[in-house]
Each structure stands twice: as structure tokens, then as C-alpha cells.
Amino acid sequence: MAELSRRRRLLVLAICCMSLLIVSLDNTVLNVALPSMQHELGASVSGMQWTIDAYTLVLASLLMLSGSTADRLGRRRIFLVGLVVFAIGSLLCSLAPGLEWLVAFRMVQAVGGSMLNPVAMSIITNTFTEPRERARAIGVWGGVVGISMAAGPVIGGLLVQTVGWRSIFWINVPIGALALFLTLRYVPESRAPKPRRVDPVGQLLVIALLGSLTYAIIEAPEAGWASPEILAFVVVALVSLGALIGYERRRREPLVDLRFFHSAPFSGATVIAVCAFASLAGFLFINTLYLQNVRGLSALDAGLYMIPMAGMTLIFAPLSGRLVGSHGPRLSLLLAGTFMGASGLLFAAFDAQATTALLFTGYVLFGIGFGLVNAPITNTAVSGMPRTQAGVAAAVASTSRQVGQSLGVAVIGAVLAGGAGAGATGAEFLAAGRPAWWIIAGCGAAILLLGALTTGRWALRTARRTAELFEEEHRNGHVTAKA
């Protein structure tokens, strides 16, 4: 891909950020609408979990395939297809006659979404080749998550309160159409010089692993962990994991290249992404139900209550990008883990819901922590890898985020359902939610620990050795081709 002017590069970044905006808006807007959807559709807590996890599961399952397919067929082409499918899925969601149809149409949305964020990140990493400029671009990218978190709850609350929950899916259509037009006009096509082959066996094993694990977690509170159904799905998940590791290690061009995980920073970023986005998904899920079902707030008021958290994410995400560009990922990760852990601890041990002041303090702490964590995750995932592997490396990072969101909603929802059920109010809901807050605090502690362990000198040496491994393979491939 020819070097673009600075103005053109910034325009490409803006277009890619639009795709992140509609996907992120979809998540935050949907969370505010959950209580209204629950009442109209007569859904249980597990039903609400599936409206979120059906989307994130399909997304997580297909991100690797979309990333490698984009490297092979053209990133711009796959990005365009993703925009169209996502918009169609959004329209179908707005017309869903019942919960089962909504879950199915959310899966259509996810097929399109899987072609957007990892492919957009790959476009960005191939557009911004200078490390510091790339880190700042990724910081802007992370800031869009903050914008969606700030705007999503308010927009969603306003739409739910004035028009109804179906209208939350309409906003994706005009934004998607504008992104489609601008992509056709301004985004250049790019491909990997040596894209990976399709790995259908690995793809099926990933779907089996993620689907069976999430199903077991969501349905266990009602069916019981010792029930034959749940045990069967747990066994499927374990067998799928073992088979995936064994199969991918032997395959020449695997769906998930396990050599990436020889790099401690990359492995750390992957686990940190799971922890961070599990915390976010759980945080939004439990707070949405608490504010509307326990405090009795309207959808709009609940959205306004979330602004302190979203505003901090909006402010600190681009600051984190600059911090990573200037000083590396370590400081951002340490601060992120500290703030997110402190937020969870405030709710779990000090009953932050007791007063509005404490509640907002917990929101602010979480928003700062989450704002700081996104840029170092993405930067670490792609910066140590050759540009030829950008699509796959970015897809691993994106997959980790979606897996985290799926597990966050599944685990936090299961804790709530097991402790209180769908009709819980007041003290009963707060008691059921306390273990959930301890889980979120634990995720913050894990981010802090992994941030310290995977950003030191030893970790950087493992990243260099991993990069050399891919570079040597690339050189050998050229020699073979010439011979």
C-alpha cells in the first residue's frame, strides 16, 4: 500500500472509528434497553444474557476467520461487506417479534460486526506505520469506546423512553451508510503478502469451545451445575479446548497461531483484554438492572447516571494512547488495574450503592481504569508482530475482548440469577450482586499483576524472540519461492 498523506491517514482513521462507534454504541445502547426488553418480551435474566452473548459469541468465534480472510481477499472489501451485513442485521433486530427472533438477528449483526473492528484495526496498523503515530492513532480508536459509552446510555435512554427499545437498532443504519460511502471513496485496498489458508476445523472447534462454555455458565443457575445437560456442555468445552490446542500446534497455517503466545507481552495483553472486558460487560449489566429495577430510574435517567463513568473513559482513553506512545504500556496497565480494582472493591466491601456520592465515585474510578486499559492492549498485541501478521494479531486481541464480554455477562448474570433471580429488588439484589463485585475487583487485580509481569525486560526479550521467529519464517519462505 502506497504511503498516504497525513490528511488521508487521519481520514482513514476517522472512517475506521465510525465502524467501532456503531458496534460499541450497539452494546451500550442495548444495556440501557435491557429492562424494557425484559418486560415487553417477558424474558428472564438468562434471556437478557442471551441477547448480549449471542452477539458476542458469534463475534468472538468469527473474528479470527474475518481477520485472516481480510488479509487474503482485501481488507477494504471485507470491511465493506461487514458494514452492509451489520446494517441489515440491525434492521432485522428492530423488527424481531419475540426473544428467540431477536437473539437470532443479533447473530446476523455479529457476522457483520466480525468483519469490522479487527479489519479496521488491521487497516489502521497498515496505515500508521511509525510506532509513536500508531500508538496515538490507537489511543484515538480507544477514545471512540469512551464516546460510545458517554453517548450510548443517553441516546439509548432517550430512544427507549420516547420511541421504544426497537429504535435503538435504527441508529446503526445511517452511521453504517455514511461509513460505507466514505470507505468506497477514501480507504485504499490492502492485503497481506502471504495470507493464511482457511482453517475450517480450527474454526469449528473455536465455535464449539466458546458456545458450550457460555451456555453452561448462563444456564447452570436454573438447571444446576450437576445436571447432565450442564455437565455435557462442560465436557464439550474441555474436549474442544484440548482438540484445538493439539490440532493447531500441528497445522502449518493455523487459525490461532500458538507461537504468538511465546511473546509474554502478547499473552499478557490477551488475558488482560479478557479481564478488562469481562469487567466492563459485568459492570454495565449489573448497573443497568440495579438503576432501573432497584432504584426505579427511567431508561434516560439511568443513562445519565452512567455519564461519570463514560466521561472518564472518554477523557483517559486518548491520554492512555499518548502515554503508551511516549512511555510504553506498563504505566497505563498498572494504573488501569489499580483503578478498576478499586472500583470493584468499593462496591463489594464498602457498599457504594448506599449513597449517590459513593456510587458516582465507583463509576469514576472504573471509567478511569477502563479508559487507560484499551490502548496498551491493542498496542502490545500488534506492535511486536510483523505487519504481514497484523490482521491475525489484531483479530486475536479483538477476540479476547469479545470472549471477555461474553464471559462477563455470563458469569455476572449467573451470579445474579443464582442469588436473586429476575424479580429481585432492594436488599436481595444488593446481596446477590456483592459476589459479582468481588469478581470485578479480582479482574482489576489480575490486570495490575499481569501489567507488572508482562512489560518488563524479560517479557520484552520474549517478544523480540517471537518476532524473529516470524521474520525467519518469512525469509525462508522467500528463499523457497525463489528456488
Protein backbone atom coordinates (compact mmCIF):
# COMPACT_ATOMS: atom_id res chain seq x y z
CA MET A 1 0.00 0.00 0.00
CA ALA A 2 1.47 3.39 -1.05
CA GLU A 3 2.29 5.90 1.67
CA LEU A 4 -0.68 8.19 2.26
CA SER A 5 -0.60 11.86 3.16
CA ARG A 6 -1.18 12.79 6.79
CA ARG A 7 -4.62 14.19 5.96
CA ARG A 8 -5.61 10.98 4.15
CA ARG A 9 -4.30 8.84 7.02
CA LEU A 10 -6.41 10.79 9.53
CA LEU A 11 -9.44 10.40 7.27
CA VAL A 12 -8.90 6.62 7.12
CA LEU A 13 -8.65 6.61 10.94
CA ALA A 14 -11.93 8.52 11.21
CA ILE A 15 -13.69 6.07 8.88
CA CYS A 16 -12.40 3.08 10.84
CA CYS A 17 -13.51 4.72 14.08
CA MET A 18 -17.03 5.02 12.68
CA SER A 19 -17.25 1.23 12.46
CA LEU A 20 -16.11 0.93 16.07
CA LEU A 21 -18.67 3.56 17.04
CA ILE A 22 -21.68 1.63 15.69
CA VAL A 23 -20.50 -1.65 17.24
CA SER A 24 -19.73 -0.04 20.62
CA LEU A 25 -22.91 2.05 20.57
CA ASP A 26 -24.87 -1.11 19.95
CA ASN A 27 -23.54 -2.61 23.19
CA THR A 28 -24.02 0.43 25.44
CA VAL A 29 -27.42 1.35 23.99
CA LEU A 30 -28.62 -2.24 24.37
CA ASN A 31 -27.65 -2.38 28.05
CA VAL A 32 -29.87 0.60 28.87
CA ALA A 33 -32.75 -1.04 26.97
CA LEU A 34 -32.49 -4.40 28.77
CA PRO A 35 -35.19 -3.78 31.43
CA SER A 36 -37.68 -2.54 28.80
CA MET A 37 -36.94 -5.52 26.57
CA GLN A 38 -37.23 -7.83 29.56
CA HIS A 39 -40.71 -6.53 30.42
CA GLU A 40 -42.07 -6.44 26.85
CA LEU A 41 -40.70 -9.83 25.82
CA GLY A 42 -41.30 -11.50 29.21
CA ALA A 43 -37.68 -12.62 29.41
CA SER A 44 -35.73 -13.99 32.37
CA VAL A 45 -32.24 -12.87 33.40
CA SER A 46 -30.78 -15.66 31.25
CA GLY A 47 -32.90 -14.45 28.31
CA MET A 48 -31.38 -10.99 28.67
CA GLN A 49 -27.92 -12.54 28.86
CA TRP A 50 -28.51 -14.29 25.54
CA THR A 51 -29.44 -11.03 23.76
CA ILE A 52 -25.90 -9.89 24.57
CA ASP A 53 -23.97 -13.15 24.47
CA ALA A 54 -25.49 -14.46 21.23
CA TYR A 55 -23.88 -11.41 19.61
CA THR A 56 -20.52 -11.54 21.39
CA LEU A 57 -20.18 -15.31 20.96
CA VAL A 58 -20.66 -15.22 17.19
CA LEU A 59 -18.39 -12.19 17.03
CA ALA A 60 -15.65 -13.90 19.04
CA SER A 61 -15.97 -17.10 17.02
CA LEU A 62 -15.62 -15.39 13.62
CA LEU A 63 -13.07 -12.64 14.33
CA MET A 64 -10.06 -14.82 13.55
CA LEU A 65 -11.64 -16.01 10.30
CA SER A 66 -12.57 -12.46 9.31
CA GLY A 67 -9.09 -11.15 10.08
CA SER A 68 -7.32 -13.81 8.00
CA THR A 69 -9.93 -13.58 5.21
CA ALA A 70 -9.40 -9.81 5.03
CA ASP A 71 -5.64 -10.35 4.80
CA ARG A 72 -6.28 -12.71 1.86
CA LEU A 73 -9.15 -11.13 -0.10
CA GLY A 74 -8.60 -7.48 0.78
CA ARG A 75 -9.25 -5.57 3.99
CA ARG A 76 -11.32 -2.86 2.34
CA ARG A 77 -13.53 -5.41 0.59
CA ILE A 78 -14.30 -7.39 3.77
CA PHE A 79 -14.82 -4.14 5.71
CA LEU A 80 -17.47 -3.06 3.16
CA VAL A 81 -19.27 -6.42 3.40
CA GLY A 82 -19.24 -6.12 7.19
CA LEU A 83 -20.88 -2.69 7.10
CA VAL A 84 -23.70 -3.95 4.87
CA VAL A 85 -24.38 -7.12 6.92
CA PHE A 86 -24.27 -5.21 10.22
CA ALA A 87 -26.80 -2.66 8.95
CA ILE A 88 -29.14 -5.39 7.67
CA GLY A 89 -28.85 -7.24 10.99
CA SER A 90 -29.72 -4.04 12.86
CA LEU A 91 -32.87 -3.57 10.79
CA LEU A 92 -33.91 -7.17 11.44
CA CYS A 93 -33.36 -6.74 15.19
CA SER A 94 -35.74 -3.76 15.19
CA LEU A 95 -38.44 -5.96 13.63
CA ALA A 96 -37.97 -9.02 15.91
CA PRO A 97 -41.39 -10.38 17.03
CA GLY A 98 -40.02 -12.23 20.08
CA LEU A 99 -36.94 -13.04 22.14
CA GLU A 100 -35.88 -16.01 20.02
CA TRP A 101 -36.02 -13.95 16.82
CA LEU A 102 -34.12 -11.11 18.47
CA VAL A 103 -31.35 -13.49 19.55
CA ALA A 104 -31.17 -14.91 16.01
CA PHE A 105 -30.99 -11.46 14.40
CA ARG A 106 -28.33 -10.40 16.89
CA MET A 107 -26.27 -13.25 15.49
CA VAL A 108 -26.72 -11.82 11.97
CA GLN A 109 -25.46 -8.49 13.32
CA ALA A 110 -22.45 -10.27 14.80
CA VAL A 111 -21.49 -11.81 11.46
CA GLY A 112 -21.19 -8.27 10.08
CA GLY A 113 -19.53 -6.97 13.24
CA SER A 114 -16.83 -9.65 12.99
CA MET A 115 -15.73 -8.05 9.70
CA LEU A 116 -15.48 -4.53 11.14
CA ASN A 117 -13.32 -3.97 14.21
CA PRO A 118 -10.41 -6.40 13.63
CA VAL A 119 -10.29 -5.48 9.94
CA ALA A 120 -10.44 -1.76 10.77
CA MET A 121 -7.61 -2.23 13.28
CA SER A 122 -5.59 -4.02 10.61
CA ILE A 123 -6.22 -1.11 8.21
CA ILE A 124 -5.04 1.31 10.91
CA THR A 125 -1.84 -0.64 11.67
CA ASN A 126 -1.01 -0.75 7.96
CA THR A 127 -1.81 2.96 7.52
CA PHE A 128 0.12 4.24 10.57
CA THR A 129 3.50 2.52 10.32
CA GLU A 130 5.54 4.77 12.64
CA PRO A 131 5.28 3.30 16.20
CA ARG A 132 4.53 6.55 18.07
CA GLU A 133 2.00 7.73 15.49
CA ARG A 134 0.39 4.29 15.54
CA ALA A 135 0.10 4.34 19.34
CA ARG A 136 -1.63 7.73 19.19
CA ALA A 137 -3.98 6.51 16.45
CA ILE A 138 -4.86 3.53 18.62
CA GLY A 139 -5.45 5.93 21.51
CA VAL A 140 -7.98 7.81 19.37
CA TRP A 141 -9.52 4.45 18.45
CA GLY A 142 -9.85 3.66 22.16
CA GLY A 143 -11.36 7.08 22.76
CA VAL A 144 -14.24 6.16 20.45
CA VAL A 145 -15.20 3.49 23.00
CA GLY A 146 -15.45 6.32 25.52
CA ILE A 147 -17.60 8.36 23.14
CA SER A 148 -19.95 5.41 22.66
CA MET A 149 -20.10 4.85 26.41
CA ALA A 150 -20.87 8.51 27.03
CA ALA A 151 -23.39 8.88 24.22
CA GLY A 152 -24.83 5.35 24.19
CA PRO A 153 -26.66 5.32 27.52
CA VAL A 154 -28.12 8.81 26.97
CA ILE A 155 -29.13 8.17 23.35
CA GLY A 156 -30.46 4.73 24.28
CA GLY A 157 -32.36 6.05 27.29
CA LEU A 158 -33.91 8.84 25.24
CA LEU A 159 -34.93 6.48 22.43
CA VAL A 160 -36.31 3.81 24.78
CA GLN A 161 -38.28 6.38 26.75
CA THR A 162 -39.74 8.24 23.74
CA VAL A 163 -39.97 5.70 20.91
CA GLY A 164 -39.31 2.24 22.37
CA TRP A 165 -36.45 -0.22 22.58
CA ARG A 166 -36.68 -1.22 18.90
CA SER A 167 -35.47 2.22 17.87
CA ILE A 168 -32.02 1.58 19.41
CA PHE A 169 -31.13 -0.53 16.39
CA TRP A 170 -32.12 2.15 13.86
CA ILE A 171 -29.18 4.44 14.64
CA ASN A 172 -26.72 1.91 13.18
CA VAL A 173 -28.19 2.29 9.68
CA PRO A 174 -27.33 5.95 8.85
CA ILE A 175 -23.89 5.72 10.50
CA GLY A 176 -23.19 2.48 8.61
CA ALA A 177 -24.35 4.03 5.32
CA LEU A 178 -22.04 7.04 5.78
CA ALA A 179 -19.10 4.78 6.67
CA LEU A 180 -19.86 2.70 3.56
CA PHE A 181 -19.79 5.75 1.27
CA LEU A 182 -16.57 7.13 2.78
CA THR A 183 -14.83 3.74 2.66
CA LEU A 184 -15.60 3.36 -1.04
CA ARG A 185 -14.20 6.82 -1.67
CA TYR A 186 -11.15 7.13 0.58
CA VAL A 187 -9.90 3.83 2.05
CA PRO A 188 -7.26 2.10 -0.12
CA GLU A 189 -7.25 -1.66 -0.55
CA SER A 190 -4.53 -3.68 1.20
CA ARG A 191 -3.70 -7.37 1.60
CA ALA A 192 -1.11 -9.45 3.41
CA PRO A 193 1.73 -10.56 1.08
CA LYS A 194 1.30 -14.16 2.30
CA PRO A 195 -2.18 -14.61 3.77
CA ARG A 196 -3.13 -17.70 5.75
CA ARG A 197 -5.20 -20.54 4.42
CA VAL A 198 -8.72 -21.21 5.70
CA ASP A 199 -8.80 -23.48 8.77
CA PRO A 200 -12.35 -24.93 8.94
CA VAL A 201 -11.53 -27.50 11.65
CA GLY A 202 -10.00 -24.85 13.92
CA GLN A 203 -12.97 -22.56 13.25
CA LEU A 204 -15.49 -25.25 14.28
CA LEU A 205 -13.50 -26.08 17.42
CA VAL A 206 -13.46 -22.39 18.46
CA ILE A 207 -17.24 -22.18 17.99
CA ALA A 208 -17.76 -25.39 19.98
CA LEU A 209 -15.49 -24.20 22.80
CA LEU A 210 -16.96 -20.72 23.23
CA GLY A 211 -20.58 -21.76 22.67
CA SER A 212 -20.58 -24.72 25.06
CA LEU A 213 -18.71 -22.86 27.82
CA THR A 214 -21.02 -19.84 27.70
CA TYR A 215 -24.16 -21.98 27.53
CA ALA A 216 -23.06 -23.91 30.62
CA ILE A 217 -22.38 -20.72 32.62
CA ILE A 218 -25.64 -18.98 31.64
CA GLU A 219 -27.98 -21.96 32.08
CA ALA A 220 -26.33 -23.51 35.18
CA PRO A 221 -28.20 -21.37 37.78
CA GLU A 222 -31.54 -22.74 36.52
CA ALA A 223 -30.53 -26.27 35.51
CA GLY A 224 -27.94 -26.85 38.26
CA TRP A 225 -24.20 -27.38 37.81
CA ALA A 226 -24.58 -31.12 38.50
CA SER A 227 -27.30 -31.62 35.88
CA PRO A 228 -26.43 -33.96 32.96
CA GLU A 229 -27.11 -31.16 30.46
CA ILE A 230 -24.63 -28.72 32.01
CA LEU A 231 -22.00 -31.39 32.63
CA ALA A 232 -22.27 -32.45 28.99
CA PHE A 233 -21.60 -28.89 27.80
CA VAL A 234 -18.64 -28.56 30.20
CA VAL A 235 -17.20 -31.78 28.76
CA VAL A 236 -17.70 -30.47 25.20
CA ALA A 237 -15.85 -27.27 26.15
CA LEU A 238 -12.91 -29.16 27.67
CA VAL A 239 -12.66 -31.60 24.76
CA SER A 240 -12.88 -28.74 22.25
CA LEU A 241 -10.09 -26.86 24.05
CA GLY A 242 -7.79 -29.89 24.07
CA ALA A 243 -8.54 -30.71 20.44
CA LEU A 244 -7.99 -27.08 19.38
CA ILE A 245 -4.57 -26.88 21.04
CA GLY A 246 -3.49 -30.26 19.66
CA TYR A 247 -4.74 -29.59 16.14
CA GLU A 248 -3.45 -26.02 15.84
CA ARG A 249 0.04 -26.99 17.00
CA ARG A 250 0.35 -29.45 14.11
CA ARG A 251 -1.16 -27.27 11.39
CA ARG A 252 1.23 -25.32 9.14
CA GLU A 253 -1.06 -22.27 8.89
CA PRO A 254 -3.39 -22.46 11.90
CA LEU A 255 -6.41 -20.30 12.65
CA VAL A 256 -4.83 -19.46 16.03
CA ASP A 257 -1.04 -19.42 15.72
CA LEU A 258 0.07 -20.57 19.16
CA ARG A 259 3.53 -19.12 18.54
CA PHE A 260 2.05 -15.67 19.18
CA PHE A 261 1.77 -16.72 22.80
CA HIS A 262 5.54 -17.25 23.06
CA SER A 263 5.58 -13.47 23.50
CA ALA A 264 4.85 -12.63 27.14
CA PRO A 265 3.54 -9.12 26.31
CA PHE A 266 1.16 -10.59 23.71
CA SER A 267 -0.03 -13.33 26.09
CA GLY A 268 -0.43 -10.77 28.87
CA ALA A 269 -2.39 -8.43 26.60
CA THR A 270 -4.70 -11.28 25.63
CA VAL A 271 -5.54 -12.22 29.23
CA ILE A 272 -5.76 -8.55 30.26
CA ALA A 273 -8.26 -7.97 27.43
CA VAL A 274 -10.43 -10.83 28.72
CA CYS A 275 -10.30 -9.47 32.29
CA ALA A 276 -10.92 -5.84 31.29
CA PHE A 277 -13.87 -6.50 29.00
CA ALA A 278 -15.37 -9.10 31.34
CA SER A 279 -15.32 -6.37 33.99
CA LEU A 280 -16.89 -3.85 31.62
CA ALA A 281 -19.66 -6.19 30.48
CA GLY A 282 -20.43 -7.25 34.04
CA PHE A 283 -20.30 -3.65 35.26
CA LEU A 284 -22.81 -2.45 32.63
CA PHE A 285 -25.10 -5.47 33.07
CA ILE A 286 -25.41 -5.26 36.85
CA ASN A 287 -25.66 -1.46 36.96
CA THR A 288 -28.35 -1.26 34.30
CA LEU A 289 -30.58 -3.69 36.18
CA TYR A 290 -29.80 -2.02 39.52
CA LEU A 291 -30.54 1.55 38.42
CA GLN A 292 -33.83 0.73 36.70
CA ASN A 293 -35.19 -2.27 38.64
CA VAL A 294 -33.99 -1.34 42.15
CA ARG A 295 -33.67 2.45 42.14
CA GLY A 296 -36.66 2.77 39.83
CA LEU A 297 -34.99 5.19 37.41
CA SER A 298 -36.24 5.67 33.85
CA ALA A 299 -34.08 4.48 30.96
CA LEU A 300 -32.95 8.05 30.29
CA ASP A 301 -32.12 8.78 33.93
CA ALA A 302 -30.20 5.51 34.17
CA GLY A 303 -28.21 6.56 31.10
CA LEU A 304 -27.45 9.95 32.67
CA TYR A 305 -26.28 8.22 35.86
CA MET A 306 -23.64 6.36 33.82
CA ILE A 307 -22.10 9.54 32.37
CA PRO A 308 -19.41 9.92 35.11
CA MET A 309 -18.02 6.50 34.18
CA ALA A 310 -18.34 7.04 30.43
CA GLY A 311 -16.91 10.55 30.61
CA MET A 312 -13.76 9.33 32.36
CA THR A 313 -13.29 6.67 29.69
CA LEU A 314 -13.67 9.34 27.00
CA ILE A 315 -11.00 11.51 28.65
CA PHE A 316 -8.47 8.86 29.62
CA ALA A 317 -8.52 6.65 26.50
CA PRO A 318 -6.70 9.16 24.25
CA LEU A 319 -4.44 10.15 27.16
CA SER A 320 -3.53 6.48 27.51
CA GLY A 321 -2.68 6.34 23.80
CA ARG A 322 -0.24 9.21 24.23
CA LEU A 323 1.16 7.64 27.39
CA VAL A 324 1.77 4.34 25.61
CA GLY A 325 3.35 6.16 22.66
CA SER A 326 5.74 8.06 24.94
CA HIS A 327 6.47 5.60 27.78
CA GLY A 328 5.25 2.16 26.70
CA PRO A 329 2.30 0.15 28.04
CA ARG A 330 3.48 -0.57 31.60
CA LEU A 331 2.28 2.57 33.42
CA SER A 332 -1.13 2.57 31.71
CA LEU A 333 -1.72 -1.08 32.65
CA LEU A 334 -0.67 -0.61 36.27
CA LEU A 335 -2.93 2.41 36.69
CA ALA A 336 -5.81 0.68 34.89
CA GLY A 337 -5.66 -2.37 37.15
CA THR A 338 -5.47 -0.17 40.25
CA PHE A 339 -8.48 1.99 39.36
CA MET A 340 -10.69 -0.87 38.11
CA GLY A 341 -9.85 -2.99 41.13
CA ALA A 342 -10.53 -0.08 43.49
CA SER A 343 -13.95 0.44 41.89
CA GLY A 344 -14.93 -3.21 42.34
CA LEU A 345 -13.67 -3.13 45.93
CA LEU A 346 -15.70 0.00 46.70
CA PHE A 347 -18.91 -1.78 45.67
CA ALA A 348 -18.01 -5.18 47.14
CA ALA A 349 -16.66 -4.15 50.55
CA PHE A 350 -17.94 -0.62 51.17
CA ASP A 351 -21.49 -0.78 49.74
CA ALA A 352 -21.05 2.01 47.19
CA GLN A 353 -24.76 1.86 46.32
CA ALA A 354 -25.60 3.19 49.80
CA THR A 355 -25.21 6.82 48.69
CA THR A 356 -25.19 8.54 45.32
CA ALA A 357 -21.80 10.13 46.11
CA LEU A 358 -20.15 6.74 46.66
CA LEU A 359 -21.94 5.32 43.63
CA PHE A 360 -20.55 8.06 41.39
CA THR A 361 -17.09 7.64 42.95
CA GLY A 362 -17.15 3.97 41.95
CA TYR A 363 -18.28 4.93 38.44
CA VAL A 364 -15.48 7.49 38.07
CA LEU A 365 -12.81 5.03 39.26
CA PHE A 366 -13.99 2.36 36.84
CA GLY A 367 -14.18 4.83 33.93
CA ILE A 368 -10.60 5.99 34.51
CA GLY A 369 -9.34 2.40 34.71
CA PHE A 370 -11.15 1.21 31.61
CA GLY A 371 -10.11 4.31 29.67
CA LEU A 372 -6.47 3.54 30.44
CA VAL A 373 -6.53 -0.17 29.59
CA ASN A 374 -7.62 -0.30 25.94
CA ALA A 375 -4.66 1.39 24.20
CA PRO A 376 -1.94 -0.77 25.82
CA ILE A 377 -3.89 -3.94 24.99
CA THR A 378 -4.11 -3.15 21.29
CA ASN A 379 -0.65 -1.63 21.01
CA THR A 380 1.01 -4.62 22.68
CA ALA A 381 -0.96 -7.10 20.59
CA VAL A 382 0.08 -5.67 17.21
CA SER A 383 3.35 -3.78 17.77
CA GLY A 384 5.53 -6.82 18.34
CA MET A 385 4.25 -8.65 15.28
CA PRO A 386 5.32 -8.31 11.63
CA ARG A 387 2.97 -6.19 9.53
CA THR A 388 2.17 -9.28 7.47
CA GLN A 389 0.50 -10.78 10.56
CA ALA A 390 -1.34 -7.59 11.56
CA GLY A 391 -4.78 -8.92 10.65
CA VAL A 392 -4.40 -12.13 12.65
CA ALA A 393 -2.74 -10.43 15.64
CA ALA A 394 -5.42 -7.71 15.76
CA ALA A 395 -8.10 -10.39 15.48
CA VAL A 396 -6.66 -12.28 18.47
CA ALA A 397 -6.83 -9.07 20.54
CA SER A 398 -10.39 -8.37 19.37
CA THR A 399 -11.40 -11.97 20.02
CA SER A 400 -10.06 -11.69 23.56
CA ARG A 401 -12.22 -8.62 24.13
CA GLN A 402 -15.35 -10.38 22.88
CA VAL A 403 -14.60 -13.53 24.87
CA GLY A 404 -14.21 -11.30 27.92
CA GLN A 405 -17.56 -9.62 27.27
CA SER A 406 -19.29 -12.98 26.80
CA LEU A 407 -17.81 -14.38 30.00
CA GLY A 408 -18.51 -11.17 31.92
CA VAL A 409 -22.22 -11.19 31.07
CA ALA A 410 -22.46 -14.97 31.54
CA VAL A 411 -20.70 -15.06 34.92
CA ILE A 412 -22.18 -11.87 36.41
CA GLY A 413 -25.65 -12.80 35.14
CA ALA A 414 -25.28 -16.31 36.56
CA VAL A 415 -24.25 -14.89 39.94
CA LEU A 416 -27.29 -12.58 39.97
CA ALA A 417 -29.68 -15.28 38.78
CA GLY A 418 -28.35 -17.78 41.32
CA GLY A 419 -28.58 -15.33 44.21
CA ALA A 420 -31.78 -13.42 43.50
CA GLY A 421 -33.45 -14.18 40.17
CA ALA A 422 -35.20 -11.88 37.73
CA GLY A 423 -37.62 -10.28 40.20
CA ALA A 424 -35.08 -9.33 42.84
CA THR A 425 -35.30 -5.84 44.31
CA GLY A 426 -33.67 -3.84 47.08
CA ALA A 427 -31.55 -5.64 49.67
CA GLU A 428 -31.99 -9.00 47.92
CA PHE A 429 -30.48 -7.68 44.68
CA LEU A 430 -27.61 -5.96 46.52
CA ALA A 431 -26.76 -9.13 48.43
CA ALA A 432 -26.82 -11.19 45.23
CA GLY A 433 -24.61 -8.63 43.48
CA ARG A 434 -21.85 -8.48 46.09
CA PRO A 435 -20.02 -11.61 44.79
CA ALA A 436 -20.22 -10.11 41.31
CA TRP A 437 -18.40 -7.00 42.52
CA TRP A 438 -15.69 -9.16 44.10
CA ILE A 439 -15.22 -10.80 40.69
CA ILE A 440 -14.81 -7.37 39.08
CA ALA A 441 -12.32 -6.36 41.80
CA GLY A 442 -10.41 -9.59 41.14
CA CYS A 443 -10.24 -8.80 37.42
CA GLY A 444 -8.70 -5.42 38.29
CA ALA A 445 -6.10 -7.13 40.48
CA ALA A 446 -5.28 -9.53 37.64
CA ILE A 447 -4.75 -6.61 35.24
CA LEU A 448 -2.41 -4.97 37.76
CA LEU A 449 -0.39 -8.17 38.27
CA LEU A 450 -0.18 -9.08 34.58
CA GLY A 451 0.70 -5.49 33.67
CA ALA A 452 3.69 -5.71 36.01
CA LEU A 453 4.79 -9.20 34.91
CA THR A 454 4.47 -8.88 31.12
CA THR A 455 6.02 -5.47 30.46
CA GLY A 456 9.50 -5.88 32.00
CA ARG A 457 12.84 -6.70 30.37
CA TRP A 458 12.29 -10.45 30.38
CA ALA A 459 8.90 -10.02 28.72
CA LEU A 460 10.33 -7.72 26.03
CA ARG A 461 13.02 -10.32 25.24
CA THR A 462 10.33 -12.94 24.63
CA ALA A 463 8.56 -10.51 22.27
CA ARG A 464 11.77 -9.97 20.28
CA ARG A 465 12.39 -13.72 20.02
CA THR A 466 8.82 -14.26 18.79
CA ALA A 467 9.17 -11.52 16.14
CA GLU A 468 12.47 -13.07 14.98
CA LEU A 469 10.71 -16.43 14.65
CA PHE A 470 8.17 -14.98 12.20
CA GLU A 471 10.81 -12.95 10.35
CA GLU A 472 12.98 -16.05 9.88
CA GLU A 473 9.97 -17.99 8.56
CA HIS A 474 9.19 -15.10 6.18
CA ARG A 475 12.79 -15.05 4.87
CA ASN A 476 12.81 -18.82 4.41
CA GLY A 477 9.53 -18.57 2.53
CA HIS A 478 11.08 -16.05 0.11
CA VAL A 479 14.13 -18.29 -0.40
CA THR A 480 11.89 -21.29 -1.14
CA ALA A 481 9.79 -19.23 -3.54
CA LYS A 482 12.89 -18.06 -5.45
CA ALA A 483 14.28 -21.59 -5.63
